[in-house]
């Protein structure tokens, strides 16, 4: 089980603190950054990932560099055309795209370009799964009211027999992370959890909470 945290709004130097960090370069909302910021962050990640263990960085001991596996995601809503999406993806050097859209053709085209394609679906609209499953690499499953900071009955997901990797969203926190891990321990398609809302106060990130969640998972 890995973590998704869509809170990056500036260049950091703590990418190695968790095993898998999911970046959302969000075009709107309080977490908004523009494509120029996104490009700087993307290049910084690539530079850090290219360093060998023997490379030296300020304030780090030799050999302390840990290569990190990061998917760099931009979230697009339905107002973006396919051409606009590709232009931004190429400019900011991103490899993954998350679409809040029902435009099936956009999903097909982006998948054909070898992007890692992500679609959020709500637990009460799970019928969307069949329509998009051949053109999506990962589904984000949320409750009936996304961004409400409310939990829901996660056990229902196991009854759906979804044969596609999915990420669980819906107020995942240090209080329920172990219970969630237990619920999905035998579900081979359960890959990631979204902890963004529980660690982000919209101004900064509680890194102690991040570390605690990581330690609980491990």
N, C-alpha and C. Protein backbone atom coordinates (compact mmCIF):
# COMPACT_ATOMS: atom_id res chain seq x y z
N UNK A 1 0.84 -1.19 0.00
CA UNK A 1 0.00 0.00 0.00
C UNK A 1 0.88 1.24 0.00
N UNK A 2 0.60 2.15 -0.93
CA UNK A 2 1.38 3.37 -1.07
C UNK A 2 0.50 4.59 -0.87
N UNK A 3 1.14 5.75 -0.76
CA UNK A 3 0.41 6.98 -0.47
C UNK A 3 0.30 7.90 -1.66
N UNK A 4 -0.85 8.55 -1.79
CA UNK A 4 -1.03 9.65 -2.73
C UNK A 4 -1.21 10.92 -1.91
N UNK A 5 -0.41 11.93 -2.20
CA UNK A 5 -0.53 13.20 -1.50
C UNK A 5 -0.47 14.32 -2.52
N UNK A 6 -1.60 14.99 -2.78
CA UNK A 6 -1.63 15.99 -3.84
C UNK A 6 -1.48 17.39 -3.26
N UNK A 7 -0.38 17.59 -2.56
CA UNK A 7 -0.22 18.86 -1.85
C UNK A 7 1.00 19.65 -2.28
N UNK A 8 1.70 19.21 -3.32
CA UNK A 8 2.94 19.88 -3.69
C UNK A 8 2.64 21.20 -4.41
N UNK A 9 3.07 22.30 -3.81
CA UNK A 9 2.86 23.61 -4.42
C UNK A 9 4.17 24.37 -4.57
N UNK A 10 5.27 23.72 -4.16
CA UNK A 10 6.58 24.33 -4.33
C UNK A 10 7.62 23.23 -4.32
N UNK A 11 8.83 23.54 -4.71
CA UNK A 11 9.91 22.56 -4.71
C UNK A 11 10.27 22.20 -3.28
N UNK A 12 10.34 20.91 -3.03
CA UNK A 12 10.73 20.40 -1.71
C UNK A 12 12.02 19.60 -1.83
N UNK A 13 12.57 19.24 -0.70
CA UNK A 13 13.74 18.36 -0.70
C UNK A 13 13.50 17.19 0.23
N UNK A 14 12.27 16.73 0.27
CA UNK A 14 11.95 15.59 1.14
C UNK A 14 11.23 14.50 0.39
N UNK A 15 11.51 14.38 -0.93
CA UNK A 15 10.81 13.39 -1.74
C UNK A 15 11.05 11.97 -1.23
N UNK A 16 12.20 11.76 -0.58
CA UNK A 16 12.54 10.40 -0.18
C UNK A 16 11.89 10.00 1.14
N UNK A 17 11.12 10.89 1.77
CA UNK A 17 10.57 10.60 3.08
C UNK A 17 9.47 9.54 3.04
N UNK A 18 8.83 9.37 1.90
CA UNK A 18 7.85 8.31 1.77
C UNK A 18 8.15 7.52 0.50
N UNK A 19 7.66 6.31 0.46
CA UNK A 19 8.03 5.41 -0.62
C UNK A 19 7.49 5.83 -1.98
N UNK A 20 6.28 6.35 -1.99
CA UNK A 20 5.66 6.69 -3.27
C UNK A 20 4.86 7.97 -3.08
N UNK A 21 5.25 9.02 -3.77
CA UNK A 21 4.57 10.30 -3.62
C UNK A 21 3.88 10.66 -4.93
N UNK A 22 2.58 10.84 -4.85
CA UNK A 22 1.79 11.13 -6.04
C UNK A 22 1.59 12.64 -6.14
N UNK A 23 2.04 13.22 -7.25
CA UNK A 23 1.92 14.66 -7.42
C UNK A 23 0.69 15.01 -8.25
N UNK A 24 -0.11 15.92 -7.77
CA UNK A 24 -1.20 16.47 -8.57
C UNK A 24 -0.91 17.94 -8.81
N UNK A 25 -0.65 18.30 -10.03
CA UNK A 25 -0.49 19.70 -10.38
C UNK A 25 -1.88 20.22 -10.74
N UNK A 26 -2.57 20.78 -9.75
CA UNK A 26 -3.98 21.09 -9.88
C UNK A 26 -4.17 22.48 -10.48
N UNK A 27 -5.00 22.53 -11.50
CA UNK A 27 -5.21 23.79 -12.21
C UNK A 27 -6.13 24.75 -11.47
N UNK A 28 -6.90 24.24 -10.54
CA UNK A 28 -7.81 25.08 -9.77
C UNK A 28 -7.82 24.59 -8.33
N UNK A 29 -8.61 25.22 -7.47
CA UNK A 29 -8.71 24.91 -6.04
C UNK A 29 -7.61 25.60 -5.27
N UNK A 30 -7.67 25.47 -3.97
CA UNK A 30 -6.70 26.12 -3.11
C UNK A 30 -5.30 25.55 -3.28
N UNK A 31 -5.20 24.38 -3.90
CA UNK A 31 -3.90 23.76 -4.12
C UNK A 31 -3.32 24.13 -5.49
N UNK A 32 -3.87 25.13 -6.11
CA UNK A 32 -3.51 25.47 -7.48
C UNK A 32 -2.04 25.87 -7.63
N UNK A 33 -1.40 25.32 -8.65
CA UNK A 33 -0.13 25.84 -9.14
C UNK A 33 -0.24 25.92 -10.66
N UNK A 34 0.60 26.74 -11.28
CA UNK A 34 0.51 26.85 -12.73
C UNK A 34 1.52 25.91 -13.38
N UNK A 35 1.49 25.84 -14.72
CA UNK A 35 2.33 24.88 -15.42
C UNK A 35 3.81 25.25 -15.36
N UNK A 36 4.12 26.51 -15.08
CA UNK A 36 5.52 26.91 -14.94
C UNK A 36 6.10 26.40 -13.62
N UNK A 37 5.30 26.50 -12.56
CA UNK A 37 5.70 25.90 -11.28
C UNK A 37 5.82 24.39 -11.42
N UNK A 38 4.84 23.81 -12.12
CA UNK A 38 4.83 22.36 -12.31
C UNK A 38 6.10 21.90 -13.01
N UNK A 39 6.52 22.65 -14.01
CA UNK A 39 7.72 22.27 -14.76
C UNK A 39 8.95 22.31 -13.86
N UNK A 40 9.06 23.35 -13.02
CA UNK A 40 10.20 23.46 -12.11
C UNK A 40 10.26 22.28 -11.14
N UNK A 41 9.10 21.93 -10.59
CA UNK A 41 9.03 20.81 -9.65
C UNK A 41 9.36 19.51 -10.36
N UNK A 42 8.81 19.33 -11.56
CA UNK A 42 9.06 18.12 -12.34
C UNK A 42 10.55 17.95 -12.63
N UNK A 43 11.19 19.03 -13.03
CA UNK A 43 12.63 18.98 -13.33
C UNK A 43 13.44 18.72 -12.07
N UNK A 44 12.99 19.25 -10.95
CA UNK A 44 13.69 19.02 -9.68
C UNK A 44 13.62 17.55 -9.29
N UNK A 45 12.45 16.94 -9.48
CA UNK A 45 12.30 15.51 -9.18
C UNK A 45 13.20 14.68 -10.08
N UNK A 46 13.21 15.01 -11.38
CA UNK A 46 14.04 14.26 -12.33
C UNK A 46 15.52 14.38 -11.98
N UNK A 47 15.91 15.58 -11.57
CA UNK A 47 17.32 15.79 -11.20
C UNK A 47 17.69 14.96 -9.98
N UNK A 48 16.83 14.97 -8.97
CA UNK A 48 17.11 14.21 -7.76
C UNK A 48 17.11 12.72 -8.03
N UNK A 49 16.23 12.28 -8.91
CA UNK A 49 16.15 10.86 -9.23
C UNK A 49 17.35 10.39 -10.04
N UNK A 50 18.02 11.32 -10.71
CA UNK A 50 19.16 10.94 -11.54
C UNK A 50 20.45 10.85 -10.74
N UNK A 51 20.41 11.29 -9.49
CA UNK A 51 21.62 11.28 -8.66
C UNK A 51 21.96 9.87 -8.21
N UNK A 52 23.21 9.56 -8.23
CA UNK A 52 23.66 8.26 -7.73
C UNK A 52 23.83 8.34 -6.23
N UNK A 53 23.90 7.21 -5.53
CA UNK A 53 24.11 7.23 -4.08
C UNK A 53 25.38 7.95 -3.67
N UNK A 54 26.36 8.05 -4.59
CA UNK A 54 27.62 8.69 -4.26
C UNK A 54 27.56 10.20 -4.48
N UNK A 55 26.47 10.70 -5.09
CA UNK A 55 26.38 12.13 -5.35
C UNK A 55 26.25 12.90 -4.05
N UNK A 56 26.67 14.13 -4.08
CA UNK A 56 26.60 14.94 -2.87
C UNK A 56 25.56 16.03 -3.02
N UNK A 57 24.77 16.23 -1.99
CA UNK A 57 23.82 17.32 -1.92
C UNK A 57 24.02 18.03 -0.59
N UNK A 58 23.76 19.35 -0.51
CA UNK A 58 23.90 20.07 0.76
C UNK A 58 23.06 19.44 1.85
N UNK A 59 23.62 19.41 3.04
CA UNK A 59 22.91 18.94 4.23
C UNK A 59 22.54 17.46 4.21
N UNK A 60 23.20 16.66 3.33
CA UNK A 60 22.95 15.23 3.33
C UNK A 60 24.26 14.47 3.40
N UNK A 61 24.21 13.38 4.11
CA UNK A 61 25.40 12.56 4.19
C UNK A 61 25.59 11.78 2.90
N UNK A 62 26.82 11.49 2.55
CA UNK A 62 27.09 10.71 1.35
C UNK A 62 26.43 9.33 1.47
N UNK A 63 25.81 8.92 0.40
CA UNK A 63 25.17 7.61 0.42
C UNK A 63 23.75 7.62 0.93
N UNK A 64 23.23 8.81 1.32
CA UNK A 64 21.90 8.88 1.90
C UNK A 64 20.82 9.10 0.86
N UNK A 65 21.22 9.28 -0.41
CA UNK A 65 20.23 9.54 -1.44
C UNK A 65 19.41 8.29 -1.72
N UNK A 66 18.10 8.45 -1.76
CA UNK A 66 17.21 7.33 -2.06
C UNK A 66 16.45 7.65 -3.35
N UNK A 67 16.59 6.81 -4.35
CA UNK A 67 15.83 7.02 -5.57
C UNK A 67 14.35 6.82 -5.27
N UNK A 68 13.53 7.71 -5.79
CA UNK A 68 12.12 7.68 -5.47
C UNK A 68 11.29 7.41 -6.73
N UNK A 69 10.18 6.71 -6.55
CA UNK A 69 9.29 6.41 -7.66
C UNK A 69 8.11 7.37 -7.59
N UNK A 70 8.09 8.34 -8.47
CA UNK A 70 7.07 9.38 -8.41
C UNK A 70 6.34 9.49 -9.74
N UNK A 71 5.04 9.37 -9.70
CA UNK A 71 4.25 9.67 -10.88
C UNK A 71 3.82 11.13 -10.79
N UNK A 72 4.07 11.85 -11.85
CA UNK A 72 3.78 13.29 -11.85
C UNK A 72 2.48 13.53 -12.59
N UNK A 73 1.47 13.91 -11.83
CA UNK A 73 0.10 13.94 -12.34
C UNK A 73 -0.43 15.37 -12.41
N UNK A 74 -1.11 15.68 -13.51
CA UNK A 74 -1.88 16.92 -13.58
C UNK A 74 -3.35 16.56 -13.61
N UNK A 75 -4.13 17.24 -12.78
CA UNK A 75 -5.56 17.02 -12.75
C UNK A 75 -6.24 18.01 -13.70
N UNK A 76 -7.04 17.48 -14.62
CA UNK A 76 -7.77 18.30 -15.58
C UNK A 76 -9.27 18.12 -15.37
N UNK A 77 -10.02 19.22 -15.51
CA UNK A 77 -11.47 19.07 -15.52
C UNK A 77 -11.97 19.06 -16.95
N UNK A 78 -13.27 19.04 -17.12
CA UNK A 78 -13.86 18.83 -18.45
C UNK A 78 -13.67 19.99 -19.41
N UNK A 79 -13.23 21.14 -18.92
CA UNK A 79 -13.09 22.30 -19.81
C UNK A 79 -11.89 22.18 -20.75
N UNK A 80 -10.95 21.27 -20.44
CA UNK A 80 -9.74 21.15 -21.24
C UNK A 80 -9.95 20.23 -22.44
N UNK A 81 -9.51 20.69 -23.59
CA UNK A 81 -9.54 19.84 -24.78
C UNK A 81 -8.36 18.88 -24.75
N UNK A 82 -8.43 17.87 -25.58
CA UNK A 82 -7.32 16.92 -25.70
C UNK A 82 -6.02 17.63 -26.07
N UNK A 83 -6.09 18.56 -27.01
CA UNK A 83 -4.90 19.27 -27.47
C UNK A 83 -4.30 20.11 -26.34
N UNK A 84 -5.13 20.73 -25.52
CA UNK A 84 -4.64 21.54 -24.40
C UNK A 84 -3.96 20.65 -23.35
N UNK A 85 -4.56 19.50 -23.11
CA UNK A 85 -4.00 18.56 -22.14
C UNK A 85 -2.59 18.13 -22.56
N UNK A 86 -2.46 17.70 -23.81
CA UNK A 86 -1.17 17.22 -24.30
C UNK A 86 -0.12 18.33 -24.27
N UNK A 87 -0.51 19.54 -24.62
CA UNK A 87 0.42 20.67 -24.62
C UNK A 87 0.99 20.92 -23.23
N UNK A 88 0.12 20.90 -22.22
CA UNK A 88 0.56 21.12 -20.84
C UNK A 88 1.40 19.94 -20.35
N UNK A 89 0.98 18.73 -20.66
CA UNK A 89 1.73 17.55 -20.25
C UNK A 89 3.15 17.57 -20.78
N UNK A 90 3.29 17.93 -22.03
CA UNK A 90 4.62 17.96 -22.65
C UNK A 90 5.47 19.10 -22.09
N UNK A 91 4.87 20.26 -21.87
CA UNK A 91 5.61 21.41 -21.35
C UNK A 91 6.14 21.14 -19.95
N UNK A 92 5.28 20.60 -19.09
CA UNK A 92 5.65 20.40 -17.69
C UNK A 92 6.34 19.07 -17.44
N UNK A 93 6.54 18.26 -18.50
CA UNK A 93 7.25 16.99 -18.40
C UNK A 93 6.55 16.04 -17.42
N UNK A 94 5.26 15.88 -17.61
CA UNK A 94 4.46 15.02 -16.76
C UNK A 94 4.20 13.69 -17.46
N UNK A 95 3.96 12.65 -16.69
CA UNK A 95 3.76 11.33 -17.28
C UNK A 95 2.39 10.74 -16.99
N UNK A 96 1.60 11.43 -16.16
CA UNK A 96 0.31 10.88 -15.75
C UNK A 96 -0.76 11.96 -15.81
N UNK A 97 -1.96 11.55 -16.16
CA UNK A 97 -3.05 12.52 -16.30
C UNK A 97 -4.30 12.01 -15.60
N UNK A 98 -4.89 12.89 -14.80
CA UNK A 98 -6.12 12.56 -14.08
C UNK A 98 -7.25 13.43 -14.64
N UNK A 99 -8.30 12.80 -15.12
CA UNK A 99 -9.37 13.52 -15.80
C UNK A 99 -10.67 13.48 -15.00
N UNK A 100 -11.19 14.67 -14.67
CA UNK A 100 -12.56 14.78 -14.17
C UNK A 100 -13.42 15.11 -15.38
N UNK A 101 -13.67 14.11 -16.18
CA UNK A 101 -14.37 14.31 -17.45
C UNK A 101 -15.07 13.01 -17.82
N UNK A 102 -16.14 13.13 -18.60
CA UNK A 102 -16.83 11.95 -19.11
C UNK A 102 -16.62 11.80 -20.61
N UNK A 103 -15.63 12.50 -21.13
CA UNK A 103 -15.32 12.44 -22.56
C UNK A 103 -14.48 11.20 -22.83
N UNK A 104 -15.14 10.14 -23.24
CA UNK A 104 -14.46 8.86 -23.45
C UNK A 104 -13.36 8.97 -24.50
N UNK A 105 -13.57 9.79 -25.52
CA UNK A 105 -12.57 9.93 -26.58
C UNK A 105 -11.26 10.48 -26.06
N UNK A 106 -11.34 11.40 -25.11
CA UNK A 106 -10.10 11.93 -24.52
C UNK A 106 -9.33 10.85 -23.79
N UNK A 107 -10.05 9.97 -23.09
CA UNK A 107 -9.39 8.87 -22.39
C UNK A 107 -8.69 7.95 -23.40
N UNK A 108 -9.37 7.65 -24.48
CA UNK A 108 -8.79 6.77 -25.50
C UNK A 108 -7.53 7.38 -26.10
N UNK A 109 -7.59 8.66 -26.47
CA UNK A 109 -6.46 9.33 -27.11
C UNK A 109 -5.26 9.42 -26.18
N UNK A 110 -5.50 9.74 -24.92
CA UNK A 110 -4.41 9.88 -23.96
C UNK A 110 -3.77 8.53 -23.66
N UNK A 111 -4.60 7.50 -23.62
CA UNK A 111 -4.05 6.17 -23.40
C UNK A 111 -3.18 5.76 -24.58
N UNK A 112 -3.57 6.13 -25.78
CA UNK A 112 -2.80 5.81 -26.97
C UNK A 112 -1.45 6.54 -27.02
N UNK A 113 -1.34 7.62 -26.24
CA UNK A 113 -0.07 8.34 -26.16
C UNK A 113 0.82 7.78 -25.05
N UNK A 114 0.40 6.71 -24.43
CA UNK A 114 1.17 6.01 -23.40
C UNK A 114 1.26 6.78 -22.08
N UNK A 115 0.34 7.70 -21.87
CA UNK A 115 0.28 8.32 -20.55
C UNK A 115 -0.36 7.34 -19.56
N UNK A 116 -0.01 7.51 -18.30
CA UNK A 116 -0.68 6.77 -17.23
C UNK A 116 -1.97 7.53 -16.94
N UNK A 117 -3.12 6.89 -17.20
CA UNK A 117 -4.40 7.59 -17.17
C UNK A 117 -5.20 7.21 -15.92
N UNK A 118 -5.74 8.22 -15.27
CA UNK A 118 -6.44 8.04 -14.00
C UNK A 118 -7.83 8.66 -14.09
N UNK A 119 -8.82 7.95 -13.56
CA UNK A 119 -10.18 8.51 -13.51
C UNK A 119 -10.78 8.32 -12.13
N UNK A 120 -11.28 9.40 -11.52
CA UNK A 120 -12.01 9.27 -10.26
C UNK A 120 -13.44 8.80 -10.52
N UNK A 121 -13.93 7.91 -9.68
CA UNK A 121 -15.34 7.53 -9.73
C UNK A 121 -15.88 7.47 -8.30
N UNK A 122 -17.15 7.77 -8.15
CA UNK A 122 -17.79 7.73 -6.85
C UNK A 122 -18.40 6.35 -6.61
N UNK A 123 -18.45 5.95 -5.37
CA UNK A 123 -18.92 4.63 -5.01
C UNK A 123 -20.36 4.41 -5.48
N UNK A 124 -21.15 5.47 -5.57
CA UNK A 124 -22.54 5.36 -6.02
C UNK A 124 -22.68 5.47 -7.53
N UNK A 125 -21.57 5.64 -8.25
CA UNK A 125 -21.60 5.71 -9.71
C UNK A 125 -20.61 4.71 -10.31
N UNK A 126 -20.53 3.57 -9.67
CA UNK A 126 -19.52 2.59 -10.02
C UNK A 126 -19.74 1.99 -11.41
N UNK A 127 -20.92 2.21 -11.98
CA UNK A 127 -21.18 1.69 -13.33
C UNK A 127 -20.25 2.32 -14.36
N UNK A 128 -19.64 3.45 -14.03
CA UNK A 128 -18.69 4.09 -14.94
C UNK A 128 -17.46 3.22 -15.17
N UNK A 129 -17.21 2.32 -14.26
CA UNK A 129 -16.03 1.47 -14.35
C UNK A 129 -15.98 0.70 -15.66
N UNK A 130 -17.07 0.06 -16.02
CA UNK A 130 -17.11 -0.77 -17.23
C UNK A 130 -16.84 0.06 -18.48
N UNK A 131 -17.35 1.26 -18.50
CA UNK A 131 -17.22 2.12 -19.68
C UNK A 131 -15.77 2.54 -19.93
N UNK A 132 -15.03 2.77 -18.87
CA UNK A 132 -13.70 3.36 -19.01
C UNK A 132 -12.55 2.39 -18.74
N UNK A 133 -12.83 1.19 -18.26
CA UNK A 133 -11.78 0.33 -17.74
C UNK A 133 -10.67 0.00 -18.75
N UNK A 134 -10.99 -0.04 -20.03
CA UNK A 134 -9.98 -0.38 -21.03
C UNK A 134 -9.05 0.79 -21.38
N UNK A 135 -9.39 1.96 -20.89
CA UNK A 135 -8.60 3.15 -21.23
C UNK A 135 -8.06 3.86 -20.00
N UNK A 136 -8.18 3.21 -18.86
CA UNK A 136 -7.74 3.79 -17.59
C UNK A 136 -6.78 2.83 -16.90
N UNK A 137 -5.70 3.37 -16.37
CA UNK A 137 -4.72 2.55 -15.64
C UNK A 137 -5.06 2.45 -14.17
N UNK A 138 -5.71 3.48 -13.66
CA UNK A 138 -6.00 3.51 -12.22
C UNK A 138 -7.29 4.28 -11.98
N UNK A 139 -8.17 3.69 -11.17
CA UNK A 139 -9.38 4.39 -10.75
C UNK A 139 -9.18 4.92 -9.33
N UNK A 140 -9.67 6.12 -9.09
CA UNK A 140 -9.72 6.66 -7.74
C UNK A 140 -11.16 6.51 -7.26
N UNK A 141 -11.37 5.71 -6.24
CA UNK A 141 -12.72 5.46 -5.74
C UNK A 141 -12.96 6.31 -4.51
N UNK A 142 -14.00 7.13 -4.58
CA UNK A 142 -14.34 8.05 -3.50
C UNK A 142 -15.77 7.80 -3.05
N UNK A 143 -16.19 8.52 -2.02
CA UNK A 143 -17.56 8.39 -1.53
C UNK A 143 -18.54 9.16 -2.39
N UNK A 144 -19.78 9.27 -1.93
CA UNK A 144 -20.81 9.97 -2.69
C UNK A 144 -20.53 11.46 -2.77
N UNK A 145 -19.81 11.98 -1.81
CA UNK A 145 -19.55 13.42 -1.76
C UNK A 145 -18.05 13.68 -1.67
N UNK A 146 -17.35 13.66 -2.82
CA UNK A 146 -15.91 13.92 -2.82
C UNK A 146 -15.58 15.27 -2.19
N UNK A 147 -14.42 15.35 -1.59
CA UNK A 147 -13.92 16.58 -0.93
C UNK A 147 -14.77 16.98 0.28
N UNK A 148 -15.58 16.04 0.79
CA UNK A 148 -16.42 16.36 1.95
C UNK A 148 -15.72 16.06 3.27
N UNK A 149 -14.54 15.41 3.18
CA UNK A 149 -13.79 15.00 4.37
C UNK A 149 -14.58 13.99 5.20
N UNK A 150 -15.39 13.18 4.52
CA UNK A 150 -16.19 12.17 5.22
C UNK A 150 -15.77 10.77 4.80
N UNK A 151 -15.81 9.86 5.74
CA UNK A 151 -15.55 8.46 5.43
C UNK A 151 -16.84 7.83 4.90
N UNK A 152 -16.73 6.61 4.40
CA UNK A 152 -17.90 5.86 3.96
C UNK A 152 -17.60 4.38 4.18
N UNK A 153 -18.50 3.52 3.78
CA UNK A 153 -18.32 2.10 4.02
C UNK A 153 -17.36 1.53 2.97
N UNK A 154 -16.07 1.52 3.29
CA UNK A 154 -15.05 1.06 2.35
C UNK A 154 -15.23 -0.42 1.98
N UNK A 155 -15.87 -1.18 2.86
CA UNK A 155 -16.03 -2.62 2.61
C UNK A 155 -16.86 -2.90 1.37
N UNK A 156 -17.70 -1.95 0.99
CA UNK A 156 -18.55 -2.15 -0.20
C UNK A 156 -17.71 -2.36 -1.45
N UNK A 157 -16.53 -1.78 -1.49
CA UNK A 157 -15.68 -1.87 -2.68
C UNK A 157 -15.29 -3.32 -2.95
N UNK A 158 -15.03 -4.07 -1.90
CA UNK A 158 -14.64 -5.48 -2.07
C UNK A 158 -15.75 -6.31 -2.71
N UNK A 159 -16.99 -5.85 -2.61
CA UNK A 159 -18.12 -6.59 -3.18
C UNK A 159 -18.33 -6.29 -4.66
N UNK A 160 -17.56 -5.36 -5.20
CA UNK A 160 -17.77 -4.93 -6.58
C UNK A 160 -16.98 -5.75 -7.60
N UNK A 161 -16.02 -6.51 -7.13
CA UNK A 161 -15.19 -7.35 -8.02
C UNK A 161 -14.56 -6.56 -9.17
N UNK A 162 -13.95 -5.44 -8.82
CA UNK A 162 -13.30 -4.59 -9.82
C UNK A 162 -11.94 -5.16 -10.18
N UNK A 163 -11.74 -5.50 -11.42
CA UNK A 163 -10.47 -6.07 -11.84
C UNK A 163 -9.62 -4.99 -12.51
N UNK A 164 -9.26 -4.00 -11.73
CA UNK A 164 -8.42 -2.91 -12.19
C UNK A 164 -7.83 -2.24 -10.95
N UNK A 165 -6.59 -1.82 -11.03
CA UNK A 165 -5.97 -1.17 -9.88
C UNK A 165 -6.76 0.07 -9.47
N UNK A 166 -6.90 0.24 -8.17
CA UNK A 166 -7.63 1.42 -7.69
C UNK A 166 -6.94 2.04 -6.48
N UNK A 167 -7.22 3.32 -6.33
CA UNK A 167 -6.73 4.11 -5.20
C UNK A 167 -7.94 4.49 -4.37
N UNK A 168 -7.82 4.37 -3.07
CA UNK A 168 -8.93 4.67 -2.17
C UNK A 168 -8.84 6.11 -1.67
N UNK A 169 -9.90 6.88 -1.90
CA UNK A 169 -9.99 8.24 -1.38
C UNK A 169 -11.18 8.33 -0.44
N UNK A 170 -11.24 9.38 0.34
CA UNK A 170 -12.35 9.56 1.26
C UNK A 170 -11.90 9.60 2.70
N UNK A 171 -11.21 10.66 3.06
CA UNK A 171 -10.75 10.93 4.42
C UNK A 171 -9.98 9.76 5.03
N UNK A 172 -8.91 9.39 4.37
CA UNK A 172 -7.99 8.40 4.92
C UNK A 172 -7.01 9.13 5.82
N UNK A 173 -6.83 8.65 7.04
CA UNK A 173 -6.00 9.34 8.02
C UNK A 173 -5.28 8.34 8.90
N UNK A 174 -4.51 8.85 9.83
CA UNK A 174 -3.78 7.98 10.76
C UNK A 174 -4.75 7.21 11.66
N UNK A 175 -5.98 7.72 11.81
CA UNK A 175 -6.95 7.05 12.67
C UNK A 175 -7.52 5.78 12.04
N UNK A 176 -7.62 5.74 10.72
CA UNK A 176 -8.27 4.58 10.10
C UNK A 176 -7.39 3.81 9.12
N UNK A 177 -6.15 4.20 8.97
CA UNK A 177 -5.28 3.60 7.95
C UNK A 177 -5.07 2.10 8.18
N UNK A 178 -4.93 1.70 9.44
CA UNK A 178 -4.70 0.28 9.72
C UNK A 178 -5.95 -0.55 9.47
N UNK A 179 -7.12 0.01 9.75
CA UNK A 179 -8.37 -0.68 9.48
C UNK A 179 -8.57 -0.84 7.98
N UNK A 180 -8.22 0.18 7.22
CA UNK A 180 -8.32 0.12 5.76
C UNK A 180 -7.37 -0.96 5.21
N UNK A 181 -6.18 -0.98 5.73
CA UNK A 181 -5.21 -2.00 5.30
C UNK A 181 -5.75 -3.40 5.55
N UNK A 182 -6.43 -3.58 6.68
CA UNK A 182 -7.01 -4.87 7.03
C UNK A 182 -8.15 -5.23 6.09
N UNK A 183 -9.01 -4.26 5.76
CA UNK A 183 -10.16 -4.50 4.89
C UNK A 183 -9.73 -5.01 3.52
N UNK A 184 -8.63 -4.43 3.00
CA UNK A 184 -8.22 -4.73 1.62
C UNK A 184 -7.01 -5.64 1.52
N UNK A 185 -6.68 -6.33 2.59
CA UNK A 185 -5.45 -7.13 2.60
C UNK A 185 -5.46 -8.24 1.56
N UNK A 186 -6.64 -8.70 1.15
CA UNK A 186 -6.72 -9.77 0.16
C UNK A 186 -7.18 -9.29 -1.22
N UNK A 187 -7.23 -7.99 -1.38
CA UNK A 187 -7.66 -7.41 -2.66
C UNK A 187 -6.42 -6.99 -3.45
N UNK A 188 -6.07 -7.74 -4.47
CA UNK A 188 -4.83 -7.51 -5.20
C UNK A 188 -4.87 -6.25 -6.06
N UNK A 189 -6.06 -5.65 -6.23
CA UNK A 189 -6.17 -4.45 -7.05
C UNK A 189 -6.10 -3.17 -6.21
N UNK A 190 -6.08 -3.32 -4.91
CA UNK A 190 -5.96 -2.18 -4.00
C UNK A 190 -4.49 -1.77 -3.92
N UNK A 191 -4.18 -0.56 -4.38
CA UNK A 191 -2.77 -0.16 -4.49
C UNK A 191 -2.39 1.03 -3.61
N UNK A 192 -3.22 2.07 -3.62
CA UNK A 192 -2.83 3.31 -2.96
C UNK A 192 -3.97 3.90 -2.14
N UNK A 193 -3.62 4.78 -1.23
CA UNK A 193 -4.61 5.54 -0.45
C UNK A 193 -4.29 7.02 -0.58
N UNK A 194 -5.35 7.82 -0.58
CA UNK A 194 -5.21 9.27 -0.68
C UNK A 194 -5.26 9.86 0.72
N UNK A 195 -4.15 10.41 1.18
CA UNK A 195 -4.10 10.98 2.53
C UNK A 195 -4.03 12.51 2.50
N UNK A 196 -4.22 13.09 1.30
CA UNK A 196 -3.99 14.52 1.13
C UNK A 196 -4.78 15.38 2.11
N UNK A 197 -6.07 15.11 2.23
CA UNK A 197 -6.91 15.98 3.05
C UNK A 197 -6.57 15.91 4.53
N UNK A 198 -6.12 14.76 4.99
CA UNK A 198 -5.85 14.62 6.42
C UNK A 198 -4.50 15.19 6.84
N UNK A 199 -3.64 15.53 5.87
CA UNK A 199 -2.32 16.08 6.23
C UNK A 199 -2.16 17.53 5.80
N UNK A 200 -3.12 18.08 5.06
CA UNK A 200 -3.00 19.40 4.47
C UNK A 200 -3.99 20.36 5.13
N UNK A 201 -3.48 21.48 5.70
CA UNK A 201 -4.39 22.48 6.26
C UNK A 201 -4.56 23.66 5.33
N UNK A 202 -4.20 23.46 4.06
CA UNK A 202 -4.31 24.44 2.97
C UNK A 202 -3.22 25.50 3.00
N UNK A 203 -2.40 25.51 4.04
CA UNK A 203 -1.27 26.43 4.10
C UNK A 203 0.05 25.68 4.12
N UNK A 204 0.10 24.59 4.84
CA UNK A 204 1.30 23.77 4.87
C UNK A 204 0.93 22.34 5.19
N UNK A 205 1.94 21.48 5.19
CA UNK A 205 1.74 20.05 5.40
C UNK A 205 2.27 19.64 6.77
N UNK A 206 1.52 18.81 7.44
CA UNK A 206 1.95 18.27 8.72
C UNK A 206 2.85 17.06 8.43
N UNK A 207 4.15 17.30 8.34
CA UNK A 207 5.07 16.23 7.99
C UNK A 207 5.14 15.15 9.07
N UNK A 208 4.83 15.52 10.30
CA UNK A 208 4.81 14.52 11.37
C UNK A 208 3.68 13.52 11.13
N UNK A 209 2.55 14.01 10.63
CA UNK A 209 1.45 13.10 10.29
C UNK A 209 1.84 12.18 9.14
N UNK A 210 2.53 12.76 8.16
CA UNK A 210 2.99 11.94 7.04
C UNK A 210 3.87 10.80 7.53
N UNK A 211 4.84 11.13 8.36
CA UNK A 211 5.76 10.13 8.89
C UNK A 211 5.02 9.07 9.72
N UNK A 212 4.03 9.54 10.50
CA UNK A 212 3.28 8.61 11.35
C UNK A 212 2.49 7.63 10.48
N UNK A 213 1.84 8.14 9.42
CA UNK A 213 1.07 7.27 8.53
C UNK A 213 1.99 6.26 7.84
N UNK A 214 3.15 6.74 7.37
CA UNK A 214 4.10 5.85 6.72
C UNK A 214 4.55 4.75 7.67
N UNK A 215 4.86 5.11 8.89
CA UNK A 215 5.30 4.13 9.88
C UNK A 215 4.20 3.13 10.22
N UNK A 216 2.97 3.60 10.26
CA UNK A 216 1.85 2.69 10.53
C UNK A 216 1.69 1.68 9.41
N UNK A 217 1.82 2.14 8.17
CA UNK A 217 1.70 1.24 7.02
C UNK A 217 2.80 0.18 7.05
N UNK A 218 4.01 0.63 7.35
CA UNK A 218 5.15 -0.30 7.35
C UNK A 218 5.09 -1.27 8.50
